[in-house]
Amino acid sequence: MLIIDVAEMDDDGNIQIICPLSDLIYDQNGTIFNHKPLEKILALSNLIKGAQIIDYPPHSFVAVCVPKKIPFDPLFLKAELSLLCRETSMKIPPYFAFLHDFPRTKTRVQKFKLREMVAEGKIELI
């Protein structure tokens, strides 16, 4: 299987891989939305174990999060995570979804499976 990565080059000529091409997210204006900083900000919350941002066509995205405590109140988590985004001047995800854990291959999160789960309605969007 061929995987194409998106990379950026800084002024010194150093190249940094951003993400696989399939993980790109476009906003309402059709410009690429760099979701990595948002994932890092959300992961700072003490309410969740981790966050993954996935594309949600057309021109939207979902923050898929794993809460630290089960059971949890999804509306409370959404409000707290949205507040964290607002306080850090990050774009607030229009949708949130919560799972007990991410689908993985050993250590790597399988974002394509998250996208499939959302498309098939297996994850409730809030």
N, C-alpha and C. Protein backbone atom coordinates (compact mmCIF):
# COMPACT_ATOMS: atom_id res chain seq x y z
N MET A 1 0.84 -1.17 0.00
CA MET A 1 0.00 0.00 0.00
C MET A 1 0.89 1.24 0.00
N LEU A 2 0.58 2.18 -0.85
CA LEU A 2 1.34 3.42 -0.97
C LEU A 2 0.71 4.48 -0.08
N ILE A 3 1.51 5.12 0.77
CA ILE A 3 1.05 6.20 1.62
C ILE A 3 1.79 7.46 1.23
N ILE A 4 1.04 8.51 0.93
CA ILE A 4 1.64 9.79 0.54
C ILE A 4 1.52 10.73 1.73
N ASP A 5 2.64 11.31 2.15
CA ASP A 5 2.66 12.22 3.28
C ASP A 5 2.71 13.66 2.81
N VAL A 6 2.17 14.54 3.62
CA VAL A 6 2.24 15.98 3.40
C VAL A 6 3.34 16.50 4.30
N ALA A 7 4.22 17.32 3.73
CA ALA A 7 5.35 17.84 4.51
C ALA A 7 5.46 19.34 4.27
N GLU A 8 6.20 20.00 5.17
CA GLU A 8 6.49 21.42 5.00
C GLU A 8 7.98 21.65 5.19
N MET A 9 8.50 22.66 4.50
CA MET A 9 9.91 22.98 4.59
C MET A 9 10.04 24.37 5.23
N ASP A 10 10.92 24.47 6.24
CA ASP A 10 11.13 25.77 6.87
C ASP A 10 12.18 26.57 6.10
N ASP A 11 12.47 27.77 6.58
CA ASP A 11 13.40 28.66 5.90
C ASP A 11 14.82 28.10 5.81
N ASP A 12 15.17 27.20 6.74
CA ASP A 12 16.51 26.60 6.75
C ASP A 12 16.61 25.36 5.86
N GLY A 13 15.51 24.98 5.24
CA GLY A 13 15.51 23.81 4.37
C GLY A 13 15.18 22.51 5.08
N ASN A 14 14.83 22.58 6.37
CA ASN A 14 14.45 21.38 7.12
C ASN A 14 13.02 20.99 6.75
N ILE A 15 12.81 19.70 6.55
CA ILE A 15 11.50 19.19 6.15
C ILE A 15 10.88 18.44 7.32
N GLN A 16 9.61 18.75 7.58
CA GLN A 16 8.87 18.09 8.65
C GLN A 16 7.61 17.49 8.05
N ILE A 17 7.37 16.20 8.32
CA ILE A 17 6.16 15.54 7.84
C ILE A 17 5.00 16.00 8.72
N ILE A 18 3.94 16.45 8.07
CA ILE A 18 2.76 16.95 8.78
C ILE A 18 1.78 15.82 9.07
N CYS A 19 1.37 15.12 8.02
CA CYS A 19 0.41 14.02 8.18
C CYS A 19 0.28 13.29 6.85
N PRO A 20 -0.33 12.10 6.88
CA PRO A 20 -0.64 11.44 5.61
C PRO A 20 -1.66 12.26 4.81
N LEU A 21 -1.59 12.20 3.51
CA LEU A 21 -2.49 12.94 2.64
C LEU A 21 -3.96 12.65 2.97
N SER A 22 -4.26 11.42 3.34
CA SER A 22 -5.64 11.04 3.64
C SER A 22 -6.17 11.70 4.91
N ASP A 23 -5.28 12.24 5.75
CA ASP A 23 -5.70 12.87 7.00
C ASP A 23 -5.89 14.38 6.87
N LEU A 24 -5.71 14.93 5.67
CA LEU A 24 -5.88 16.38 5.49
C LEU A 24 -7.32 16.78 5.75
N ILE A 25 -7.49 17.96 6.33
CA ILE A 25 -8.82 18.49 6.63
C ILE A 25 -8.92 19.86 5.98
N TYR A 26 -10.01 20.08 5.27
CA TYR A 26 -10.25 21.36 4.61
C TYR A 26 -11.37 22.09 5.35
N ASP A 27 -11.22 23.41 5.50
CA ASP A 27 -12.27 24.20 6.15
C ASP A 27 -13.30 24.66 5.12
N GLN A 28 -14.24 25.51 5.57
CA GLN A 28 -15.32 25.98 4.70
C GLN A 28 -14.81 26.76 3.50
N ASN A 29 -13.63 27.37 3.60
CA ASN A 29 -13.06 28.15 2.51
C ASN A 29 -12.23 27.30 1.55
N GLY A 30 -12.12 26.01 1.83
CA GLY A 30 -11.34 25.12 0.98
C GLY A 30 -9.85 25.16 1.26
N THR A 31 -9.45 25.80 2.36
CA THR A 31 -8.03 25.83 2.72
C THR A 31 -7.73 24.68 3.69
N ILE A 32 -6.49 24.25 3.70
CA ILE A 32 -6.09 23.14 4.57
C ILE A 32 -6.05 23.62 6.01
N PHE A 33 -6.67 22.85 6.89
CA PHE A 33 -6.70 23.13 8.32
C PHE A 33 -5.68 22.22 9.00
N ASN A 34 -4.67 22.82 9.64
CA ASN A 34 -3.65 22.04 10.35
C ASN A 34 -4.24 21.60 11.69
N HIS A 35 -4.59 20.34 11.79
CA HIS A 35 -5.28 19.83 12.97
C HIS A 35 -4.36 19.40 14.10
N LYS A 36 -3.07 19.26 13.85
CA LYS A 36 -2.15 18.78 14.88
C LYS A 36 -2.10 19.69 16.11
N PRO A 37 -2.01 21.03 15.97
CA PRO A 37 -2.02 21.88 17.17
C PRO A 37 -3.29 21.73 18.00
N LEU A 38 -4.43 21.54 17.34
CA LEU A 38 -5.68 21.36 18.06
C LEU A 38 -5.67 20.04 18.83
N GLU A 39 -5.15 18.98 18.21
CA GLU A 39 -5.04 17.69 18.92
C GLU A 39 -4.18 17.84 20.16
N LYS A 40 -3.08 18.58 20.04
CA LYS A 40 -2.17 18.76 21.18
C LYS A 40 -2.83 19.56 22.29
N ILE A 41 -3.58 20.61 21.94
CA ILE A 41 -4.27 21.42 22.95
C ILE A 41 -5.33 20.59 23.67
N LEU A 42 -6.14 19.86 22.92
CA LEU A 42 -7.17 19.03 23.54
C LEU A 42 -6.56 17.97 24.46
N ALA A 43 -5.42 17.41 24.06
CA ALA A 43 -4.77 16.37 24.86
C ALA A 43 -4.25 16.92 26.19
N LEU A 44 -4.12 18.24 26.32
CA LEU A 44 -3.68 18.84 27.58
C LEU A 44 -4.75 18.76 28.67
N SER A 45 -6.00 18.56 28.27
CA SER A 45 -7.09 18.49 29.24
C SER A 45 -6.91 17.29 30.16
N ASN A 46 -7.18 17.48 31.45
CA ASN A 46 -7.08 16.35 32.39
C ASN A 46 -8.34 15.48 32.36
N LEU A 47 -9.30 15.82 31.49
CA LEU A 47 -10.54 15.04 31.38
C LEU A 47 -10.45 13.92 30.35
N ILE A 48 -9.47 14.00 29.45
CA ILE A 48 -9.38 13.00 28.38
C ILE A 48 -7.97 12.41 28.31
N LYS A 49 -7.89 11.19 27.76
CA LYS A 49 -6.60 10.53 27.55
C LYS A 49 -5.95 10.99 26.25
N GLY A 50 -6.77 11.33 25.25
CA GLY A 50 -6.23 11.73 23.96
C GLY A 50 -7.33 12.21 23.04
N ALA A 51 -6.90 12.85 21.94
CA ALA A 51 -7.85 13.38 20.96
C ALA A 51 -7.30 13.19 19.56
N GLN A 52 -8.19 12.90 18.64
CA GLN A 52 -7.86 12.80 17.23
C GLN A 52 -8.87 13.64 16.46
N ILE A 53 -8.38 14.43 15.53
CA ILE A 53 -9.25 15.25 14.69
C ILE A 53 -9.36 14.56 13.34
N ILE A 54 -10.61 14.35 12.90
CA ILE A 54 -10.83 13.70 11.60
C ILE A 54 -11.75 14.56 10.75
N ASP A 55 -11.64 14.37 9.46
CA ASP A 55 -12.45 15.08 8.48
C ASP A 55 -13.90 14.60 8.57
N TYR A 56 -14.82 15.54 8.42
CA TYR A 56 -16.25 15.21 8.40
C TYR A 56 -16.87 16.00 7.26
N PRO A 57 -16.95 15.40 6.08
CA PRO A 57 -17.43 16.11 4.90
C PRO A 57 -18.86 16.59 5.07
N PRO A 58 -19.27 17.66 4.44
CA PRO A 58 -18.41 18.54 3.67
C PRO A 58 -17.85 19.66 4.54
N HIS A 59 -16.58 19.88 4.46
CA HIS A 59 -15.90 21.03 5.06
C HIS A 59 -16.09 21.17 6.57
N SER A 60 -16.00 20.09 7.28
CA SER A 60 -16.11 20.15 8.73
C SER A 60 -15.19 19.09 9.33
N PHE A 61 -15.14 19.05 10.65
CA PHE A 61 -14.29 18.06 11.30
C PHE A 61 -14.87 17.68 12.65
N VAL A 62 -14.38 16.55 13.16
CA VAL A 62 -14.84 15.98 14.42
C VAL A 62 -13.63 15.77 15.33
N ALA A 63 -13.78 16.13 16.60
CA ALA A 63 -12.77 15.80 17.61
C ALA A 63 -13.22 14.50 18.28
N VAL A 64 -12.48 13.43 18.04
CA VAL A 64 -12.78 12.14 18.67
C VAL A 64 -11.88 12.03 19.89
N CYS A 65 -12.49 11.89 21.06
CA CYS A 65 -11.73 11.91 22.32
C CYS A 65 -12.00 10.64 23.13
N VAL A 66 -11.01 10.29 23.96
CA VAL A 66 -11.13 9.17 24.88
C VAL A 66 -11.15 9.74 26.30
N PRO A 67 -12.30 9.68 26.99
CA PRO A 67 -12.39 10.22 28.35
C PRO A 67 -11.59 9.38 29.34
N LYS A 68 -11.08 10.05 30.39
CA LYS A 68 -10.32 9.34 31.42
C LYS A 68 -11.24 8.55 32.34
N LYS A 69 -12.43 9.10 32.63
CA LYS A 69 -13.34 8.44 33.57
C LYS A 69 -14.57 7.92 32.82
N ILE A 70 -14.95 6.71 33.18
CA ILE A 70 -16.15 6.10 32.64
C ILE A 70 -17.03 5.77 33.85
N PRO A 71 -18.28 6.10 33.92
CA PRO A 71 -19.07 6.82 32.94
C PRO A 71 -18.71 8.31 32.92
N PHE A 72 -19.18 9.00 31.88
CA PHE A 72 -18.90 10.41 31.72
C PHE A 72 -20.12 11.10 31.12
N ASP A 73 -20.15 12.41 31.26
CA ASP A 73 -21.24 13.21 30.70
C ASP A 73 -20.72 13.84 29.41
N PRO A 74 -21.16 13.38 28.23
CA PRO A 74 -20.63 13.89 26.98
C PRO A 74 -20.87 15.39 26.77
N LEU A 75 -22.00 15.90 27.22
CA LEU A 75 -22.28 17.33 27.05
C LEU A 75 -21.34 18.18 27.92
N PHE A 76 -21.04 17.70 29.13
CA PHE A 76 -20.10 18.40 30.00
C PHE A 76 -18.70 18.39 29.37
N LEU A 77 -18.27 17.22 28.88
CA LEU A 77 -16.95 17.13 28.24
C LEU A 77 -16.86 18.05 27.03
N LYS A 78 -17.89 18.07 26.21
CA LYS A 78 -17.89 18.94 25.03
C LYS A 78 -17.76 20.40 25.45
N ALA A 79 -18.51 20.81 26.47
CA ALA A 79 -18.46 22.20 26.95
C ALA A 79 -17.07 22.54 27.48
N GLU A 80 -16.47 21.65 28.26
CA GLU A 80 -15.16 21.92 28.84
C GLU A 80 -14.07 21.96 27.76
N LEU A 81 -14.14 21.06 26.81
CA LEU A 81 -13.13 21.04 25.74
C LEU A 81 -13.31 22.24 24.80
N SER A 82 -14.55 22.64 24.57
CA SER A 82 -14.80 23.84 23.76
C SER A 82 -14.25 25.08 24.45
N LEU A 83 -14.42 25.15 25.76
CA LEU A 83 -13.89 26.26 26.54
C LEU A 83 -12.36 26.29 26.46
N LEU A 84 -11.73 25.13 26.55
CA LEU A 84 -10.27 25.05 26.42
C LEU A 84 -9.82 25.59 25.07
N CYS A 85 -10.52 25.22 24.01
CA CYS A 85 -10.19 25.72 22.67
C CYS A 85 -10.36 27.24 22.61
N ARG A 86 -11.45 27.73 23.16
CA ARG A 86 -11.71 29.18 23.14
C ARG A 86 -10.62 29.93 23.91
N GLU A 87 -10.23 29.41 25.08
CA GLU A 87 -9.21 30.07 25.91
C GLU A 87 -7.84 30.09 25.25
N THR A 88 -7.57 29.13 24.39
CA THR A 88 -6.28 29.05 23.72
C THR A 88 -6.34 29.56 22.28
N SER A 89 -7.45 30.19 21.93
CA SER A 89 -7.66 30.76 20.59
C SER A 89 -7.56 29.73 19.47
N MET A 90 -7.98 28.51 19.77
CA MET A 90 -8.00 27.46 18.76
C MET A 90 -9.41 27.37 18.18
N LYS A 91 -9.49 26.84 16.97
CA LYS A 91 -10.78 26.63 16.32
C LYS A 91 -11.54 25.57 17.13
N ILE A 92 -12.79 25.85 17.45
CA ILE A 92 -13.61 24.91 18.23
C ILE A 92 -14.22 23.88 17.29
N PRO A 93 -13.99 22.60 17.57
CA PRO A 93 -14.59 21.57 16.70
C PRO A 93 -16.11 21.68 16.69
N PRO A 94 -16.72 21.63 15.51
CA PRO A 94 -18.18 21.68 15.45
C PRO A 94 -18.83 20.42 16.02
N TYR A 95 -18.11 19.32 16.00
CA TYR A 95 -18.62 18.05 16.51
C TYR A 95 -17.59 17.38 17.41
N PHE A 96 -18.09 16.67 18.41
CA PHE A 96 -17.25 15.85 19.28
C PHE A 96 -17.81 14.44 19.27
N ALA A 97 -16.96 13.47 19.48
CA ALA A 97 -17.37 12.08 19.64
C ALA A 97 -16.47 11.48 20.72
N PHE A 98 -17.00 10.52 21.45
CA PHE A 98 -16.24 9.93 22.55
C PHE A 98 -16.24 8.41 22.43
N LEU A 99 -15.05 7.83 22.62
CA LEU A 99 -14.85 6.38 22.55
C LEU A 99 -14.14 5.91 23.81
N HIS A 100 -14.22 4.62 24.08
CA HIS A 100 -13.47 4.06 25.20
C HIS A 100 -11.98 3.96 24.88
N ASP A 101 -11.65 3.78 23.58
CA ASP A 101 -10.26 3.75 23.12
C ASP A 101 -10.26 3.91 21.61
N PHE A 102 -9.09 4.28 21.08
CA PHE A 102 -8.94 4.45 19.64
C PHE A 102 -8.62 3.11 18.99
N PRO A 103 -9.10 2.87 17.76
CA PRO A 103 -8.65 1.69 17.02
C PRO A 103 -7.17 1.88 16.68
N ARG A 104 -6.37 0.85 16.90
CA ARG A 104 -4.91 0.98 16.73
C ARG A 104 -4.31 -0.25 16.05
N THR A 105 -3.11 0.00 15.50
CA THR A 105 -2.22 -1.07 15.13
C THR A 105 -1.02 -0.90 16.05
N LYS A 106 -0.93 -1.71 17.06
CA LYS A 106 0.08 -1.61 18.13
C LYS A 106 0.01 -0.23 18.77
N THR A 107 0.76 0.76 18.30
CA THR A 107 0.75 2.07 18.93
C THR A 107 0.12 3.17 18.08
N ARG A 108 -0.06 2.93 16.81
CA ARG A 108 -0.54 3.96 15.89
C ARG A 108 -2.07 3.96 15.78
N VAL A 109 -2.67 5.14 15.95
CA VAL A 109 -4.13 5.28 15.84
C VAL A 109 -4.52 5.16 14.37
N GLN A 110 -5.58 4.41 14.11
CA GLN A 110 -6.08 4.21 12.75
C GLN A 110 -7.19 5.22 12.47
N LYS A 111 -6.79 6.38 11.94
CA LYS A 111 -7.77 7.43 11.66
C LYS A 111 -8.77 7.01 10.59
N PHE A 112 -8.35 6.19 9.64
CA PHE A 112 -9.28 5.76 8.60
C PHE A 112 -10.43 4.97 9.22
N LYS A 113 -10.16 4.21 10.28
CA LYS A 113 -11.23 3.47 10.95
C LYS A 113 -12.16 4.42 11.70
N LEU A 114 -11.60 5.48 12.29
CA LEU A 114 -12.44 6.49 12.94
C LEU A 114 -13.37 7.14 11.92
N ARG A 115 -12.82 7.47 10.73
CA ARG A 115 -13.65 8.07 9.68
C ARG A 115 -14.76 7.11 9.24
N GLU A 116 -14.42 5.83 9.12
CA GLU A 116 -15.42 4.82 8.74
C GLU A 116 -16.51 4.72 9.80
N MET A 117 -16.12 4.71 11.08
CA MET A 117 -17.09 4.60 12.17
C MET A 117 -18.05 5.79 12.18
N VAL A 118 -17.53 6.98 11.92
CA VAL A 118 -18.39 8.17 11.86
C VAL A 118 -19.32 8.08 10.65
N ALA A 119 -18.78 7.72 9.50
CA ALA A 119 -19.59 7.63 8.28
C ALA A 119 -20.70 6.59 8.41
N GLU A 120 -20.43 5.50 9.11
CA GLU A 120 -21.42 4.43 9.27
C GLU A 120 -22.36 4.67 10.44
N GLY A 121 -22.16 5.76 11.17
CA GLY A 121 -23.02 6.07 12.31
C GLY A 121 -22.73 5.26 13.55
N LYS A 122 -21.55 4.64 13.63
CA LYS A 122 -21.19 3.83 14.79
C LYS A 122 -20.70 4.67 15.96
N ILE A 123 -20.42 5.94 15.71
CA ILE A 123 -20.01 6.89 16.75
C ILE A 123 -21.03 8.01 16.76
N GLU A 124 -21.55 8.30 17.95
CA GLU A 124 -22.53 9.39 18.09
C GLU A 124 -21.79 10.73 18.10
N LEU A 125 -22.23 11.64 17.24
CA LEU A 125 -21.64 12.98 17.20
C LEU A 125 -22.45 13.92 18.10
N ILE A 126 -21.72 14.71 18.83
CA ILE A 126 -22.35 15.65 19.77
C ILE A 126 -21.97 17.06 19.37
